[in-house]
Amino acid sequence: MKKLIPGLLFVILMLPAEVFGDIYRYETADGEIILTSEPRKGLKLLDVIKDAKPASKPVSAKRDAGNAREVQKPKLASGAKAVASMRETAYDAFIQEASQMYNIPVAFIKAVIKIESNFNPRAVSSVGAMGLMQLMPGTADHMRVSDPFDPRENILGGTKYLRRLSDRYDGDINLILSGYHAGPGNVAKAGGIPFEKTQQYVRNVYNWYVRYREEGK
């Protein structure tokens, strides 16, 4: 039985499905929140996070200020924001390739990279995790990644691992991310999310996943 953590959303990502799709947010009779990419019957629908496919060209942003409506062009980022924006899009081609190869949403891959390395391809953790998706040496070998610091290899290897975890946990985002962060052995031992820091990791990645989806990244 899966052990749910109080205060943490129980989230199901219906993979494999279309790479993009709406997310439906439901509430059960017990007050449990469920998010899924497929409509459900017999549950209270709270809201829908609409599909956010990347636009082929910049789209003007519309702002509603009281009764006055105005269309504004997106403001250009400056300084640190511009650098961060460039860093977050530098590997989009590899992320798109990995998404199509392993049927994992682009926004989900980007969210993992954001939290794991903040898009630093040379990042090394205190325990030896490497590159954009912070692959441990054993995981890199298992995913046939010869150079963990090569952005394309790292992203393909990390996404392949996410695909295997998704298959293992039937698309349950809580368990996919817990397995990625803490290892499947610890997930099995705990019967769910194993550690407090893993709980926070799941929250952080999921929040960025929703943000990237909404931004169409």
N, C-alpha and C. Protein backbone atom coordinates (compact mmCIF):
# COMPACT_ATOMS: atom_id res chain seq x y z
N MET A 1 0.85 -1.19 0.00
CA MET A 1 0.00 0.00 0.00
C MET A 1 0.88 1.24 0.00
N LYS A 2 0.51 2.25 -0.77
CA LYS A 2 1.28 3.48 -0.84
C LYS A 2 0.98 4.33 0.39
N LYS A 3 2.03 4.83 1.04
CA LYS A 3 1.85 5.67 2.20
C LYS A 3 1.84 7.12 1.77
N LEU A 4 0.74 7.82 2.03
CA LEU A 4 0.61 9.21 1.61
C LEU A 4 1.09 10.11 2.73
N ILE A 5 1.77 11.18 2.36
CA ILE A 5 2.29 12.12 3.32
C ILE A 5 1.29 13.24 3.54
N PRO A 6 0.87 13.51 4.80
CA PRO A 6 -0.10 14.58 5.04
C PRO A 6 0.40 15.90 4.46
N GLY A 7 -0.52 16.61 3.80
CA GLY A 7 -0.17 17.91 3.26
C GLY A 7 0.49 17.85 1.89
N LEU A 8 0.80 16.66 1.41
CA LEU A 8 1.43 16.52 0.10
C LEU A 8 0.41 16.00 -0.90
N LEU A 9 0.34 16.65 -2.04
CA LEU A 9 -0.62 16.22 -3.05
C LEU A 9 -0.31 14.81 -3.53
N PHE A 10 -1.33 13.99 -3.64
CA PHE A 10 -1.17 12.69 -4.29
C PHE A 10 -1.44 12.93 -5.76
N VAL A 11 -0.42 12.83 -6.57
CA VAL A 11 -0.49 13.25 -7.97
C VAL A 11 -0.28 12.06 -8.87
N ILE A 12 -1.13 11.93 -9.89
CA ILE A 12 -0.95 10.88 -10.89
C ILE A 12 -0.77 11.52 -12.24
N LEU A 13 0.33 11.20 -12.90
CA LEU A 13 0.56 11.65 -14.27
C LEU A 13 0.33 10.45 -15.16
N MET A 14 -0.68 10.51 -15.99
CA MET A 14 -1.05 9.36 -16.79
C MET A 14 -0.09 9.20 -17.96
N LEU A 15 1.05 8.58 -17.71
CA LEU A 15 2.06 8.32 -18.74
C LEU A 15 2.05 6.81 -19.04
N PRO A 16 2.27 6.39 -20.31
CA PRO A 16 2.43 7.28 -21.44
C PRO A 16 1.09 7.78 -21.97
N ALA A 17 1.02 9.06 -22.20
CA ALA A 17 -0.12 9.70 -22.84
C ALA A 17 0.47 10.67 -23.83
N GLU A 18 -0.33 11.57 -24.37
CA GLU A 18 0.25 12.56 -25.23
C GLU A 18 1.24 13.38 -24.43
N VAL A 19 2.29 13.83 -25.09
CA VAL A 19 3.32 14.59 -24.39
C VAL A 19 2.72 15.82 -23.73
N PHE A 20 1.71 16.44 -24.36
CA PHE A 20 1.04 17.57 -23.77
C PHE A 20 -0.42 17.23 -23.57
N GLY A 21 -1.03 17.84 -22.55
CA GLY A 21 -2.44 17.63 -22.32
C GLY A 21 -2.89 18.41 -21.09
N ASP A 22 -4.21 18.57 -20.94
CA ASP A 22 -4.74 19.26 -19.77
C ASP A 22 -4.52 18.42 -18.52
N ILE A 23 -4.40 19.09 -17.38
CA ILE A 23 -4.34 18.40 -16.09
C ILE A 23 -5.61 18.75 -15.33
N TYR A 24 -6.33 17.73 -14.87
CA TYR A 24 -7.59 17.92 -14.15
C TYR A 24 -7.32 17.77 -12.65
N ARG A 25 -7.83 18.72 -11.87
CA ARG A 25 -7.62 18.71 -10.42
C ARG A 25 -8.94 18.37 -9.75
N TYR A 26 -8.97 17.21 -9.07
CA TYR A 26 -10.18 16.73 -8.43
C TYR A 26 -10.00 16.66 -6.90
N GLU A 27 -11.13 16.62 -6.21
CA GLU A 27 -11.14 16.39 -4.77
C GLU A 27 -12.04 15.19 -4.47
N THR A 28 -11.55 14.25 -3.66
CA THR A 28 -12.34 13.10 -3.29
C THR A 28 -13.25 13.44 -2.11
N ALA A 29 -14.10 12.51 -1.75
CA ALA A 29 -15.01 12.71 -0.61
C ALA A 29 -14.22 12.87 0.68
N ASP A 30 -13.03 12.31 0.73
CA ASP A 30 -12.18 12.40 1.93
C ASP A 30 -11.30 13.64 1.93
N GLY A 31 -11.44 14.47 0.91
CA GLY A 31 -10.64 15.69 0.85
C GLY A 31 -9.28 15.52 0.21
N GLU A 32 -9.02 14.36 -0.36
CA GLU A 32 -7.73 14.12 -1.02
C GLU A 32 -7.74 14.79 -2.40
N ILE A 33 -6.63 15.44 -2.73
CA ILE A 33 -6.51 16.10 -4.02
C ILE A 33 -5.82 15.16 -5.00
N ILE A 34 -6.41 14.99 -6.18
CA ILE A 34 -5.85 14.14 -7.21
C ILE A 34 -5.71 14.96 -8.49
N LEU A 35 -4.53 14.90 -9.09
CA LEU A 35 -4.32 15.54 -10.38
C LEU A 35 -4.02 14.47 -11.41
N THR A 36 -4.68 14.55 -12.55
CA THR A 36 -4.53 13.54 -13.58
C THR A 36 -4.70 14.17 -14.95
N SER A 37 -4.11 13.56 -15.95
CA SER A 37 -4.26 14.07 -17.31
C SER A 37 -5.49 13.46 -18.01
N GLU A 38 -6.23 12.63 -17.30
CA GLU A 38 -7.44 12.03 -17.85
C GLU A 38 -8.65 12.40 -16.99
N PRO A 39 -9.78 12.77 -17.59
CA PRO A 39 -10.99 13.09 -16.81
C PRO A 39 -11.42 11.89 -15.96
N ARG A 40 -11.93 12.17 -14.77
CA ARG A 40 -12.42 11.12 -13.87
C ARG A 40 -13.89 11.35 -13.56
N LYS A 41 -14.63 10.27 -13.33
CA LYS A 41 -16.04 10.35 -12.95
C LYS A 41 -16.16 10.13 -11.45
N GLY A 42 -17.18 10.72 -10.86
CA GLY A 42 -17.46 10.50 -9.45
C GLY A 42 -16.61 11.33 -8.52
N LEU A 43 -15.86 12.31 -9.04
CA LEU A 43 -15.04 13.16 -8.21
C LEU A 43 -15.43 14.61 -8.45
N LYS A 44 -15.16 15.45 -7.48
CA LYS A 44 -15.45 16.88 -7.59
C LYS A 44 -14.33 17.57 -8.36
N LEU A 45 -14.66 18.15 -9.50
CA LEU A 45 -13.67 18.85 -10.32
C LEU A 45 -13.45 20.24 -9.74
N LEU A 46 -12.19 20.54 -9.38
CA LEU A 46 -11.84 21.84 -8.82
C LEU A 46 -11.44 22.82 -9.91
N ASP A 47 -10.53 22.39 -10.77
CA ASP A 47 -10.14 23.24 -11.89
C ASP A 47 -9.36 22.41 -12.90
N VAL A 48 -9.04 23.06 -14.01
CA VAL A 48 -8.29 22.40 -15.08
C VAL A 48 -7.11 23.28 -15.46
N ILE A 49 -5.91 22.69 -15.43
CA ILE A 49 -4.71 23.37 -15.92
C ILE A 49 -4.66 23.08 -17.40
N LYS A 50 -4.91 24.10 -18.20
CA LYS A 50 -5.05 23.89 -19.63
C LYS A 50 -3.73 23.53 -20.27
N ASP A 51 -3.85 22.80 -21.37
CA ASP A 51 -2.70 22.42 -22.18
C ASP A 51 -1.88 23.65 -22.52
N ALA A 52 -0.55 23.51 -22.40
CA ALA A 52 0.33 24.65 -22.66
C ALA A 52 1.40 24.27 -23.65
N LYS A 53 1.01 24.09 -24.90
CA LYS A 53 1.98 23.74 -25.93
C LYS A 53 2.84 24.95 -26.27
N PRO A 54 4.13 24.74 -26.57
CA PRO A 54 4.98 25.86 -26.91
C PRO A 54 4.45 26.61 -28.13
N ALA A 55 4.46 27.92 -28.07
CA ALA A 55 4.02 28.73 -29.20
C ALA A 55 5.13 28.82 -30.22
N SER A 56 4.75 28.92 -31.51
CA SER A 56 5.74 29.00 -32.57
C SER A 56 6.38 30.37 -32.63
N LYS A 57 5.70 31.38 -32.05
CA LYS A 57 6.27 32.72 -32.00
C LYS A 57 5.76 33.41 -30.75
N PRO A 58 6.44 34.47 -30.28
CA PRO A 58 6.01 35.15 -29.06
C PRO A 58 4.56 35.61 -29.16
N VAL A 59 3.84 35.46 -28.05
CA VAL A 59 2.44 35.85 -28.01
C VAL A 59 2.30 37.00 -27.02
N SER A 60 1.52 38.01 -27.38
CA SER A 60 1.32 39.14 -26.50
C SER A 60 0.58 38.71 -25.25
N ALA A 61 0.91 39.30 -24.14
CA ALA A 61 0.26 38.98 -22.87
C ALA A 61 -0.89 39.94 -22.64
N LYS A 62 -2.04 39.41 -22.22
CA LYS A 62 -3.23 40.24 -21.98
C LYS A 62 -3.42 40.39 -20.48
N ARG A 63 -3.59 41.63 -20.03
CA ARG A 63 -3.78 41.88 -18.61
C ARG A 63 -5.12 42.53 -18.38
N ASP A 64 -5.85 42.02 -17.38
CA ASP A 64 -7.16 42.56 -17.07
C ASP A 64 -7.04 43.37 -15.78
N ALA A 65 -7.12 44.69 -15.89
CA ALA A 65 -7.02 45.56 -14.72
C ALA A 65 -8.40 46.21 -14.53
N GLY A 66 -9.21 45.61 -13.65
CA GLY A 66 -10.57 46.09 -13.45
C GLY A 66 -11.36 45.94 -14.73
N ASN A 67 -12.01 47.02 -15.16
CA ASN A 67 -12.77 46.99 -16.41
C ASN A 67 -11.93 47.37 -17.60
N ALA A 68 -10.72 47.85 -17.35
CA ALA A 68 -9.85 48.28 -18.45
C ALA A 68 -8.99 47.11 -18.89
N ARG A 69 -9.07 46.76 -20.16
CA ARG A 69 -8.28 45.67 -20.70
C ARG A 69 -7.24 46.23 -21.64
N GLU A 70 -6.02 45.74 -21.53
CA GLU A 70 -4.98 46.20 -22.41
C GLU A 70 -4.07 45.04 -22.77
N VAL A 71 -3.56 45.07 -23.96
CA VAL A 71 -2.66 44.03 -24.43
C VAL A 71 -1.24 44.59 -24.38
N GLN A 72 -0.37 43.89 -23.68
CA GLN A 72 1.01 44.32 -23.54
C GLN A 72 1.94 43.31 -24.17
N LYS A 73 3.00 43.79 -24.74
CA LYS A 73 4.03 42.90 -25.24
C LYS A 73 4.86 42.42 -24.06
N PRO A 74 5.32 41.16 -24.10
CA PRO A 74 6.15 40.67 -23.01
C PRO A 74 7.37 41.55 -22.83
N LYS A 75 7.68 41.87 -21.57
CA LYS A 75 8.85 42.67 -21.28
C LYS A 75 10.11 41.82 -21.39
N LEU A 76 11.14 42.39 -21.93
CA LEU A 76 12.40 41.67 -22.04
C LEU A 76 13.06 41.58 -20.68
N ALA A 77 13.57 40.43 -20.34
CA ALA A 77 14.28 40.26 -19.08
C ALA A 77 15.62 40.96 -19.19
N SER A 78 16.17 41.36 -18.05
CA SER A 78 17.46 42.04 -18.06
C SER A 78 18.35 41.45 -16.99
N GLY A 79 19.66 41.64 -17.15
CA GLY A 79 20.61 41.20 -16.14
C GLY A 79 20.53 39.73 -15.84
N ALA A 80 20.40 39.42 -14.54
CA ALA A 80 20.39 38.03 -14.08
C ALA A 80 19.21 37.26 -14.66
N LYS A 81 18.06 37.95 -14.84
CA LYS A 81 16.89 37.26 -15.38
C LYS A 81 17.14 36.82 -16.82
N ALA A 82 17.83 37.66 -17.57
CA ALA A 82 18.11 37.31 -18.96
C ALA A 82 19.04 36.12 -19.03
N VAL A 83 20.05 36.10 -18.16
CA VAL A 83 20.98 34.97 -18.12
C VAL A 83 20.26 33.69 -17.74
N ALA A 84 19.37 33.78 -16.72
CA ALA A 84 18.61 32.61 -16.28
C ALA A 84 17.71 32.10 -17.40
N SER A 85 17.07 33.03 -18.12
CA SER A 85 16.20 32.65 -19.21
C SER A 85 16.97 31.93 -20.32
N MET A 86 18.15 32.43 -20.65
CA MET A 86 18.97 31.79 -21.67
C MET A 86 19.41 30.40 -21.21
N ARG A 87 19.76 30.29 -19.94
CA ARG A 87 20.21 29.00 -19.42
C ARG A 87 19.10 27.97 -19.48
N GLU A 88 17.86 28.39 -19.19
CA GLU A 88 16.74 27.47 -19.15
C GLU A 88 16.30 27.02 -20.54
N THR A 89 16.72 27.71 -21.58
CA THR A 89 16.34 27.31 -22.93
C THR A 89 17.51 26.75 -23.74
N ALA A 90 18.70 26.74 -23.14
CA ALA A 90 19.89 26.34 -23.88
C ALA A 90 19.85 24.89 -24.35
N TYR A 91 19.11 24.04 -23.63
CA TYR A 91 19.11 22.60 -23.93
C TYR A 91 17.76 22.12 -24.43
N ASP A 92 16.94 23.05 -24.92
CA ASP A 92 15.58 22.70 -25.34
C ASP A 92 15.57 21.63 -26.44
N ALA A 93 16.50 21.70 -27.37
CA ALA A 93 16.51 20.72 -28.47
C ALA A 93 16.73 19.31 -27.93
N PHE A 94 17.62 19.17 -26.96
CA PHE A 94 17.89 17.85 -26.37
C PHE A 94 16.70 17.39 -25.52
N ILE A 95 16.07 18.33 -24.84
CA ILE A 95 14.91 17.99 -24.01
C ILE A 95 13.75 17.54 -24.89
N GLN A 96 13.53 18.24 -25.99
CA GLN A 96 12.49 17.84 -26.93
C GLN A 96 12.77 16.44 -27.49
N GLU A 97 14.02 16.19 -27.83
CA GLU A 97 14.39 14.87 -28.35
C GLU A 97 14.11 13.78 -27.32
N ALA A 98 14.51 14.04 -26.08
CA ALA A 98 14.30 13.06 -25.01
C ALA A 98 12.81 12.85 -24.75
N SER A 99 12.05 13.94 -24.79
CA SER A 99 10.61 13.87 -24.56
C SER A 99 9.94 12.98 -25.60
N GLN A 100 10.30 13.17 -26.85
CA GLN A 100 9.70 12.38 -27.92
C GLN A 100 10.17 10.92 -27.87
N MET A 101 11.42 10.71 -27.48
CA MET A 101 11.96 9.35 -27.45
C MET A 101 11.34 8.52 -26.33
N TYR A 102 11.13 9.14 -25.16
CA TYR A 102 10.68 8.38 -23.99
C TYR A 102 9.28 8.78 -23.52
N ASN A 103 8.61 9.67 -24.26
CA ASN A 103 7.24 10.06 -23.95
C ASN A 103 7.08 10.57 -22.52
N ILE A 104 7.98 11.46 -22.15
CA ILE A 104 7.91 12.18 -20.88
C ILE A 104 7.71 13.65 -21.22
N PRO A 105 6.78 14.36 -20.56
CA PRO A 105 6.53 15.76 -20.91
C PRO A 105 7.77 16.64 -20.81
N VAL A 106 7.91 17.53 -21.77
CA VAL A 106 9.03 18.48 -21.78
C VAL A 106 9.10 19.25 -20.47
N ALA A 107 7.96 19.76 -20.01
CA ALA A 107 7.95 20.55 -18.79
C ALA A 107 8.40 19.75 -17.58
N PHE A 108 8.12 18.47 -17.58
CA PHE A 108 8.51 17.61 -16.46
C PHE A 108 10.03 17.41 -16.45
N ILE A 109 10.61 17.18 -17.62
CA ILE A 109 12.07 17.02 -17.73
C ILE A 109 12.75 18.31 -17.29
N LYS A 110 12.24 19.45 -17.76
CA LYS A 110 12.85 20.72 -17.41
C LYS A 110 12.75 20.99 -15.91
N ALA A 111 11.64 20.61 -15.30
CA ALA A 111 11.47 20.82 -13.87
C ALA A 111 12.49 20.00 -13.07
N VAL A 112 12.72 18.77 -13.51
CA VAL A 112 13.73 17.95 -12.83
C VAL A 112 15.12 18.58 -12.97
N ILE A 113 15.45 19.04 -14.18
CA ILE A 113 16.75 19.68 -14.40
C ILE A 113 16.88 20.95 -13.55
N LYS A 114 15.80 21.74 -13.48
CA LYS A 114 15.82 22.97 -12.70
C LYS A 114 16.19 22.70 -11.25
N ILE A 115 15.55 21.72 -10.65
CA ILE A 115 15.78 21.44 -9.24
C ILE A 115 17.09 20.68 -9.03
N GLU A 116 17.44 19.80 -9.95
CA GLU A 116 18.65 19.00 -9.78
C GLU A 116 19.93 19.82 -9.92
N SER A 117 20.01 20.65 -10.97
CA SER A 117 21.28 21.33 -11.27
C SER A 117 21.14 22.79 -11.62
N ASN A 118 19.90 23.29 -11.70
CA ASN A 118 19.65 24.65 -12.16
C ASN A 118 20.30 24.89 -13.52
N PHE A 119 20.24 23.86 -14.37
CA PHE A 119 20.71 23.92 -15.76
C PHE A 119 22.23 24.11 -15.86
N ASN A 120 22.96 23.58 -14.88
CA ASN A 120 24.42 23.62 -14.92
C ASN A 120 24.93 22.25 -15.36
N PRO A 121 25.45 22.12 -16.59
CA PRO A 121 25.87 20.81 -17.09
C PRO A 121 27.12 20.26 -16.41
N ARG A 122 27.83 21.09 -15.65
CA ARG A 122 29.06 20.65 -14.96
C ARG A 122 28.83 20.42 -13.47
N ALA A 123 27.58 20.48 -13.03
CA ALA A 123 27.28 20.35 -11.61
C ALA A 123 27.66 18.96 -11.09
N VAL A 124 28.24 18.94 -9.90
CA VAL A 124 28.57 17.69 -9.20
C VAL A 124 28.12 17.84 -7.75
N SER A 125 27.33 16.88 -7.27
CA SER A 125 26.84 16.96 -5.89
C SER A 125 27.85 16.39 -4.91
N SER A 126 27.56 16.55 -3.64
CA SER A 126 28.46 16.05 -2.59
C SER A 126 28.53 14.53 -2.57
N VAL A 127 27.54 13.87 -3.18
CA VAL A 127 27.55 12.40 -3.22
C VAL A 127 27.96 11.86 -4.58
N GLY A 128 28.36 12.77 -5.48
CA GLY A 128 28.89 12.33 -6.77
C GLY A 128 27.92 12.32 -7.92
N ALA A 129 26.70 12.86 -7.73
CA ALA A 129 25.76 12.95 -8.85
C ALA A 129 26.25 13.99 -9.84
N MET A 130 26.06 13.73 -11.14
CA MET A 130 26.72 14.53 -12.16
C MET A 130 25.78 15.11 -13.21
N GLY A 131 26.13 16.31 -13.65
CA GLY A 131 25.50 16.90 -14.82
C GLY A 131 24.12 17.47 -14.60
N LEU A 132 23.46 17.78 -15.71
CA LEU A 132 22.17 18.47 -15.69
C LEU A 132 21.11 17.75 -14.86
N MET A 133 21.01 16.43 -15.03
CA MET A 133 19.99 15.67 -14.31
C MET A 133 20.56 14.91 -13.14
N GLN A 134 21.81 15.27 -12.76
CA GLN A 134 22.47 14.74 -11.57
C GLN A 134 22.40 13.20 -11.50
N LEU A 135 23.00 12.57 -12.49
CA LEU A 135 23.03 11.12 -12.54
C LEU A 135 24.13 10.58 -11.64
N MET A 136 23.78 9.61 -10.82
CA MET A 136 24.79 8.90 -10.05
C MET A 136 25.58 8.00 -11.00
N PRO A 137 26.85 7.70 -10.66
CA PRO A 137 27.66 6.88 -11.56
C PRO A 137 26.99 5.57 -11.96
N GLY A 138 26.37 4.88 -11.00
CA GLY A 138 25.70 3.62 -11.31
C GLY A 138 24.52 3.80 -12.24
N THR A 139 23.75 4.85 -12.02
CA THR A 139 22.61 5.14 -12.89
C THR A 139 23.08 5.48 -14.30
N ALA A 140 24.14 6.30 -14.38
CA ALA A 140 24.68 6.67 -15.68
C ALA A 140 25.12 5.42 -16.46
N ASP A 141 25.80 4.52 -15.78
CA ASP A 141 26.24 3.28 -16.44
C ASP A 141 25.04 2.45 -16.89
N HIS A 142 24.05 2.36 -16.02
CA HIS A 142 22.87 1.54 -16.32
C HIS A 142 22.08 2.12 -17.49
N MET A 143 22.09 3.45 -17.61
CA MET A 143 21.38 4.11 -18.71
C MET A 143 22.28 4.29 -19.94
N ARG A 144 23.47 3.70 -19.89
CA ARG A 144 24.43 3.74 -21.00
C ARG A 144 24.87 5.17 -21.36
N VAL A 145 25.11 5.95 -20.31
CA VAL A 145 25.62 7.31 -20.48
C VAL A 145 27.13 7.27 -20.30
N SER A 146 27.87 7.47 -21.36
CA SER A 146 29.33 7.38 -21.28
C SER A 146 29.95 8.65 -20.73
N ASP A 147 29.32 9.81 -20.99
CA ASP A 147 29.84 11.09 -20.48
C ASP A 147 28.70 11.86 -19.82
N PRO A 148 28.58 11.78 -18.49
CA PRO A 148 27.48 12.45 -17.79
C PRO A 148 27.51 13.98 -17.91
N PHE A 149 28.65 14.54 -18.33
CA PHE A 149 28.75 15.99 -18.46
C PHE A 149 28.42 16.47 -19.87
N ASP A 150 28.12 15.53 -20.76
CA ASP A 150 27.64 15.90 -22.08
C ASP A 150 26.13 16.14 -21.96
N PRO A 151 25.67 17.38 -22.24
CA PRO A 151 24.26 17.70 -22.02
C PRO A 151 23.28 16.74 -22.68
N ARG A 152 23.51 16.40 -23.93
CA ARG A 152 22.58 15.52 -24.63
C ARG A 152 22.56 14.13 -24.00
N GLU A 153 23.73 13.56 -23.75
CA GLU A 153 23.79 12.24 -23.14
C GLU A 153 23.12 12.24 -21.77
N ASN A 154 23.39 13.26 -20.99
CA ASN A 154 22.84 13.34 -19.64
C ASN A 154 21.32 13.42 -19.67
N ILE A 155 20.79 14.28 -20.54
CA ILE A 155 19.33 14.45 -20.62
C ILE A 155 18.65 13.18 -21.13
N LEU A 156 19.23 12.56 -22.15
CA LEU A 156 18.64 11.31 -22.65
C LEU A 156 18.69 10.22 -21.59
N GLY A 157 19.82 10.13 -20.88
CA GLY A 157 19.94 9.11 -19.83
C GLY A 157 19.01 9.37 -18.67
N GLY A 158 18.91 10.64 -18.22
CA GLY A 158 18.02 10.96 -17.12
C GLY A 158 16.57 10.75 -17.47
N THR A 159 16.18 11.10 -18.70
CA THR A 159 14.80 10.91 -19.12
C THR A 159 14.47 9.44 -19.30
N LYS A 160 15.42 8.67 -19.77
CA LYS A 160 15.22 7.22 -19.88
C LYS A 160 14.96 6.62 -18.50
N TYR A 161 15.68 7.13 -17.50
CA TYR A 161 15.47 6.66 -16.13
C TYR A 161 14.09 7.07 -15.62
N LEU A 162 13.66 8.30 -15.91
CA LEU A 162 12.31 8.74 -15.54
C LEU A 162 11.26 7.85 -16.19
N ARG A 163 11.49 7.45 -17.44
CA ARG A 163 10.56 6.56 -18.14
C ARG A 163 10.44 5.23 -17.41
N ARG A 164 11.57 4.68 -17.00
CA ARG A 164 11.55 3.39 -16.29
C ARG A 164 10.84 3.53 -14.95
N LEU A 165 11.08 4.64 -14.26
CA LEU A 165 10.40 4.85 -12.98
C LEU A 165 8.90 5.05 -13.19
N SER A 166 8.53 5.73 -14.27
CA SER A 166 7.11 5.93 -14.56
C SER A 166 6.42 4.59 -14.83
N ASP A 167 7.10 3.73 -15.58
CA ASP A 167 6.53 2.39 -15.83
C ASP A 167 6.42 1.59 -14.53
N ARG A 168 7.42 1.73 -13.69
CA ARG A 168 7.45 0.98 -12.44
C ARG A 168 6.33 1.43 -11.48
N TYR A 169 6.09 2.75 -11.44
CA TYR A 169 5.13 3.30 -10.48
C TYR A 169 3.81 3.73 -11.12
N ASP A 170 3.53 3.22 -12.30
CA ASP A 170 2.24 3.49 -12.98
C ASP A 170 1.95 4.99 -13.11
N GLY A 171 2.98 5.78 -13.36
CA GLY A 171 2.78 7.20 -13.60
C GLY A 171 2.53 8.05 -12.38
N ASP A 172 2.70 7.50 -11.16
CA ASP A 172 2.50 8.26 -9.92
C ASP A 172 3.69 9.21 -9.74
N ILE A 173 3.45 10.52 -9.90
CA ILE A 173 4.54 11.49 -9.84
C ILE A 173 5.25 11.46 -8.49
N ASN A 174 4.49 11.31 -7.40
CA ASN A 174 5.11 11.24 -6.07
C ASN A 174 6.19 10.17 -6.03
N LEU A 175 5.87 8.99 -6.55
CA LEU A 175 6.80 7.87 -6.48
C LEU A 175 7.89 7.97 -7.54
N ILE A 176 7.56 8.49 -8.72
CA ILE A 176 8.58 8.68 -9.76
C ILE A 176 9.68 9.58 -9.22
N LEU A 177 9.28 10.72 -8.68
CA LEU A 177 10.27 11.67 -8.18
C LEU A 177 10.97 11.17 -6.92
N SER A 178 10.25 10.44 -6.09
CA SER A 178 10.88 9.87 -4.89
C SER A 178 11.95 8.85 -5.29
N GLY A 179 11.61 8.02 -6.29
CA GLY A 179 12.58 7.05 -6.77
C GLY A 179 13.78 7.72 -7.39
N TYR A 180 13.56 8.81 -8.11
CA TYR A 180 14.65 9.54 -8.76
C TYR A 180 15.55 10.18 -7.71
N HIS A 181 14.95 10.72 -6.66
CA HIS A 181 15.70 11.45 -5.65
C HIS A 181 16.35 10.55 -4.61
N ALA A 182 15.59 9.58 -4.12
CA ALA A 182 16.05 8.77 -2.99
C ALA A 182 16.38 7.33 -3.36
N GLY A 183 15.99 6.90 -4.56
CA GLY A 183 16.24 5.53 -4.98
C GLY A 183 15.03 4.64 -4.74
N PRO A 184 14.74 3.74 -5.67
CA PRO A 184 13.59 2.84 -5.52
C PRO A 184 13.64 1.99 -4.26
N GLY A 185 14.85 1.63 -3.81
CA GLY A 185 14.96 0.82 -2.60
C GLY A 185 14.39 1.53 -1.39
N ASN A 186 14.69 2.81 -1.23
CA ASN A 186 14.17 3.58 -0.10
C ASN A 186 12.66 3.80 -0.23
N VAL A 187 12.18 3.95 -1.46
CA VAL A 187 10.74 4.09 -1.68
C VAL A 187 10.02 2.82 -1.26
N ALA A 188 10.57 1.68 -1.65
CA ALA A 188 9.97 0.39 -1.29
C ALA A 188 9.99 0.18 0.22
N LYS A 189 11.10 0.55 0.84
CA LYS A 189 11.23 0.36 2.29
C LYS A 189 10.23 1.21 3.05
N ALA A 190 10.01 2.45 2.57
CA ALA A 190 9.09 3.37 3.25
C ALA A 190 7.64 3.16 2.84
N GLY A 191 7.42 2.48 1.72
CA GLY A 191 6.07 2.32 1.21
C GLY A 191 5.51 3.61 0.64
N GLY A 192 6.39 4.50 0.23
CA GLY A 192 5.98 5.81 -0.30
C GLY A 192 7.17 6.75 -0.29
N ILE A 193 6.91 8.03 -0.08
CA ILE A 193 7.97 9.02 -0.05
C ILE A 193 8.78 8.83 1.22
N PRO A 194 10.09 8.56 1.10
CA PRO A 194 10.84 8.09 2.26
C PRO A 194 11.35 9.14 3.24
N PHE A 195 11.74 10.31 2.77
CA PHE A 195 12.41 11.27 3.64
C PHE A 195 11.76 12.65 3.53
N GLU A 196 11.95 13.47 4.56
CA GLU A 196 11.41 14.82 4.54
C GLU A 196 12.01 15.63 3.39
N LYS A 197 13.31 15.48 3.16
CA LYS A 197 13.94 16.22 2.06
C LYS A 197 13.41 15.74 0.70
N THR A 198 13.01 14.48 0.63
CA THR A 198 12.41 13.98 -0.61
C THR A 198 11.01 14.55 -0.79
N GLN A 199 10.27 14.70 0.31
CA GLN A 199 8.95 15.34 0.23
C GLN A 199 9.08 16.74 -0.37
N GLN A 200 10.09 17.50 0.11
CA GLN A 200 10.29 18.85 -0.39
C GLN A 200 10.73 18.84 -1.84
N TYR A 201 11.55 17.86 -2.19
CA TYR A 201 12.01 17.71 -3.57
C TYR A 201 10.81 17.48 -4.50
N VAL A 202 9.90 16.61 -4.10
CA VAL A 202 8.72 16.32 -4.92
C VAL A 202 7.89 17.58 -5.10
N ARG A 203 7.68 18.33 -4.02
CA ARG A 203 6.92 19.58 -4.11
C ARG A 203 7.58 20.56 -5.07
N ASN A 204 8.89 20.72 -4.91
CA ASN A 204 9.61 21.69 -5.73
C ASN A 204 9.55 21.35 -7.22
N VAL A 205 9.82 20.09 -7.53
CA VAL A 205 9.78 19.69 -8.94
C VAL A 205 8.39 19.83 -9.50
N TYR A 206 7.39 19.41 -8.76
CA TYR A 206 6.02 19.51 -9.26
C TYR A 206 5.62 20.96 -9.50
N ASN A 207 5.99 21.86 -8.58
CA ASN A 207 5.66 23.27 -8.76
C ASN A 207 6.29 23.83 -10.03
N TRP A 208 7.53 23.46 -10.30
CA TRP A 208 8.18 23.92 -11.53
C TRP A 208 7.57 23.26 -12.75
N TYR A 209 7.15 22.02 -12.63
CA TYR A 209 6.49 21.33 -13.74
C TYR A 209 5.23 22.10 -14.17
N VAL A 210 4.41 22.46 -13.19
CA VAL A 210 3.18 23.20 -13.50
C VAL A 210 3.53 24.56 -14.09
N ARG A 211 4.54 25.21 -13.53
CA ARG A 211 4.94 26.53 -14.03
C ARG A 211 5.41 26.46 -15.48
N TYR A 212 6.25 25.48 -15.80
CA TYR A 212 6.74 25.35 -17.16
C TYR A 212 5.62 25.00 -18.13
N ARG A 213 4.68 24.18 -17.68
CA ARG A 213 3.53 23.84 -18.53
C ARG A 213 2.73 25.10 -18.85
N GLU A 214 2.47 25.90 -17.82
CA GLU A 214 1.67 27.10 -18.01
C GLU A 214 2.38 28.11 -18.92
N GLU A 215 3.72 28.13 -18.84
CA GLU A 215 4.49 29.06 -19.66
C GLU A 215 4.73 28.50 -21.06
N GLY A 216 4.36 27.24 -21.27
CA GLY A 216 4.57 26.62 -22.57
C GLY A 216 6.00 26.30 -22.86
N LYS A 217 6.79 26.04 -21.79
CA LYS A 217 8.21 25.72 -21.98
C LYS A 217 8.41 24.22 -21.99
